Protein backbone atom coordinates (compact mmCIF):
# COMPACT_ATOMS: atom_id res chain seq x y z
CA UNK A 1 130.60 103.35 116.10
CA UNK A 2 128.39 104.03 113.10
CA UNK A 3 125.20 106.01 113.71
CA UNK A 4 122.34 105.06 111.41
CA UNK A 5 120.15 107.77 109.98
CA UNK A 6 116.54 106.70 110.45
CA UNK A 7 114.22 109.13 108.71
CA UNK A 8 111.08 110.08 110.66
CA UNK A 9 107.72 108.42 110.14
CA UNK A 10 105.28 111.08 108.98
CA UNK A 11 101.54 110.62 109.55
CA UNK A 12 99.24 113.09 107.81
CA UNK A 13 95.65 113.16 109.11
CA UNK A 14 93.06 114.58 106.70
CA UNK A 15 89.51 115.01 108.01
CA UNK A 16 86.95 114.56 105.21
CA UNK A 17 83.26 115.46 105.05
CA UNK A 18 81.43 115.08 101.73
CA UNK A 19 84.67 115.41 99.75
CA UNK A 20 83.67 113.19 96.83
CA UNK A 21 84.22 115.90 94.21
CA UNK A 22 87.88 116.62 94.99
CA UNK A 23 89.14 113.75 97.11
CA UNK A 24 90.67 111.65 94.33
CA UNK A 25 92.74 114.58 93.04
CA UNK A 26 93.74 115.79 96.51
CA UNK A 27 94.68 112.31 97.69
CA UNK A 28 96.81 111.76 94.59
CA UNK A 29 98.70 115.01 95.08
CA UNK A 30 99.42 114.33 98.75
CA UNK A 31 100.38 110.69 98.14
CA UNK A 32 102.77 111.63 95.31
CA UNK A 33 104.51 114.13 97.59
CA UNK A 34 104.75 111.53 100.36
CA UNK A 35 106.31 109.04 97.94
CA UNK A 36 108.77 111.67 96.64
CA UNK A 37 109.92 112.46 100.19
CA UNK A 38 110.24 108.76 100.94
CA UNK A 39 112.23 108.09 97.75
CA UNK A 40 114.60 110.91 98.73
CA UNK A 41 115.04 109.22 102.15
CA UNK A 42 113.74 112.34 103.89
CA UNK A 43 110.90 110.40 105.54
CA UNK A 44 110.40 106.74 106.40
CA UNK A 45 108.76 104.36 103.96
CA UNK A 46 106.35 103.63 106.85
CA UNK A 47 104.89 107.15 106.51
CA UNK A 48 101.22 107.40 105.56
CA UNK A 49 98.16 109.56 105.04
CA UNK A 50 95.08 108.81 107.14
CA UNK A 51 91.81 110.07 105.66
CA UNK A 52 89.14 110.32 108.36
CA UNK A 53 85.59 110.21 106.96
CA UNK A 54 83.61 112.42 109.31
CA UNK A 55 80.19 110.88 108.63
CA UNK A 56 80.00 111.86 104.96
CA UNK A 57 76.73 111.31 103.10
CA UNK A 58 78.30 111.05 99.66
CA UNK A 59 80.84 108.62 98.17
CA UNK A 60 83.77 109.89 100.25
CA UNK A 61 84.21 106.58 102.10
CA UNK A 62 84.00 104.58 98.86
CA UNK A 63 86.82 106.69 97.41
CA UNK A 64 88.93 106.24 100.55
CA UNK A 65 88.51 102.46 100.54
CA UNK A 66 89.21 102.29 96.80
CA UNK A 67 92.58 103.98 97.32
CA UNK A 68 93.55 102.15 100.53
CA UNK A 69 96.98 100.57 100.36
CA UNK A 70 100.60 101.38 101.14
CA UNK A 71 100.82 104.95 102.37
CA UNK A 72 97.05 105.43 102.31
CA UNK A 73 94.72 104.53 105.19
CA UNK A 74 91.15 105.31 106.12
CA UNK A 75 89.06 105.68 109.24
CA UNK A 76 85.27 106.01 109.13
CA UNK A 77 83.40 107.76 111.91
CA UNK A 78 79.79 106.69 112.43
CA UNK A 79 78.45 110.24 112.22
CA UNK A 80 79.58 113.81 111.72
CA UNK A 81 81.43 115.13 114.77
CA UNK A 82 83.19 118.12 113.20
CA UNK A 83 86.62 118.41 111.65
CA UNK A 84 88.39 119.11 114.94
CA UNK A 85 87.16 115.88 116.55
CA UNK A 86 87.77 113.96 113.33
CA UNK A 87 91.36 115.20 113.39
CA UNK A 88 91.74 114.15 117.03
CA UNK A 89 90.27 110.71 116.22
CA UNK A 90 92.92 110.31 113.53
CA UNK A 91 95.69 111.22 115.97
CA UNK A 92 94.72 108.45 118.39
């Protein structure tokens, strides 16, 4: 009997609050690493990064939605609840 090797699905939750200045660069770095791990069959191609906008007042949400696609998801909270609760929201 052959046992298939199914790599794990990795979900990275990143709470964001007014991250407009560095979000594009940070998201690119994390997404590239996720794609490298997937290409090496170390993680599943279903793996993704979830950016949780914790009620930002800048263009953070616009940046998240602009990048949304395979491996990149977004969740917008209606107001700022703190990074711990934003992280928990992303885990649910």
